[in-house]
Amino acid sequence: MVLEPTTGFSSASARGNETASSHTEKVDQIDMASEASTTSSVTLDQLPEEVLHIIAAFLEPADVIGGLMRTNEHLHRIFSDEEYWRIRIKRRWPSTYPIISDRTQSRNVWKKRACTREAQYNKFSSEAKTPLQNVSFGAEHGGFHFSDINAMCFINNGDVLASGGRDRQLILWDITAIKRNYEQKVEPVSAATVQTILHTHGGWVWSVQNVGNSLSAGSWDGAIHIFDLDHSTDKSNNFKCEQAVTCHLWHKDLVIAGTIMGSIVVFDVRAGPKSVYKRKQSVNQDAVLGVQCVDDYVVTVGADKKFHVLDLGRQDFVIKRSIPNNDFGTKIVAKEGHVWVGTKHGQILLYDAEEFELVENFTEVMGHTEHITGLHFDAGHLATCGLDRKAQMVQPTKSAETIWKTKSDTGFTAMDFSKDCTMALAWGSTVGLWW
């Protein structure tokens, strides 16, 4: 008898053959896909711009500029676009920025703004990846200042700090050495090992300024001494006012000083020690306490409770405005179309740099209650300090969200901020550094 194969057996055999055939096809497909992936992998510059923007958002601006932009021409074009940097800022901080719209657009302005804002915020905010480092030096640490410090300014991108005070001394601080000692935990460090007395004036030092390789100091003795720091610590120029110098600044080849008796005195460094001209800003003998330049206009504030604008070309005052609330200006800073004024009673006022009109009163949001002694502004922040023992750094927007703040046991008397993101504050004879 011959046995015929059953139906069930033949079905199983057929399924087995189908499975084997299907497996072979899948293996072939995988091999083909693998071969395709190795021969046609996607490169960075083949990604859509939207994807590249998302990737770049996780990188520091310096990495985008020094890394992605240098990869090839395509990526360089994408990340050289000013609109990318403007949108990058807007996505992270939606508030209107800058507060006063641009009058002129310099090259790469949005890239520079993004780099500045992110570097400062990433260092000083609570979101910082590493904590701020802080060190302070005063008379109790062997420092050369033995009275209140009135003025400070950084030199060489923050390598050196100059300070002047009521002890009549102009002192240079070696900031590089201070930071190195701190980071290497060299203790104790005497302030005398990182300080140099550059000059002793005949009166209180009220203002210190730096331009290029030159450092200048204005004093109660009426003198403005200028030092060439590249070649020696000897005075390279010496200007003399008839009254005590309360503030001064550089503008091109001009040195412009404000005095205790309400005069603006203009010197030309090319023309010798005599003043080019002098103008009195009011009939009263009220001190000029702050002076800044906007193009060829000199903007001043002082004890006469006015905001003055002097036209350098016409050699005369062209604008005079009252400070709100019968107050008077103590500090002023002008930069990037903004003119900021701090007052005796803690007001923080913003004027535009074209019509010199009051744009906004930031007093409530800043919260100061006493004499403003320090004011700094750039693309990344507005910083203030005062005799109310408060110092703070806020976003450069109308909402002015706090980035960083600190307090002291006594009122702050001076402030400056360096290009390498170091904050310097003075209280009494002590200088504190944060970086």
Foldseek 3Di string as FASTA:
>chain_A
DDDDDDPVVVVVVVVVVVVVVVVVVVVVVVVVVVVCCVVDPDDPLNDDLVVVLVVCLVDQLCCLVVPQLPPDVSSVVSVLDLVSLVVSVCVVPVFDPQADDFPDDDRCPSSVLSNQQCVQLCAQFPVNPDDKDKDKAFVVLVDPDDWFWFEKEADPLRQWMWTWFQQQWIKIFRVVVVVVCVVVVPPDDRSVVGMDTLDGHPGGWQYWDDDDQKIWIFFQQQKIFIARNVPDSDTPAIAGDPGGFNYWDDDPQWIWTWGQQQKIWICGVVPGRDTPDMDGPDPGGWTWQEWDDDPQWIWTWTDVQWIWIARNVVRGIDDIGGHPPSWTFRYWDDDRQWIWTATAQGWIWIAGSPPRDTDDTCRVLVPGGGGWQEWDDDSRWTWTFWQVQKIFTFGSHSNGHTRHIDGDPGGWNYWDAGNSGKIWITDIRMIMIID
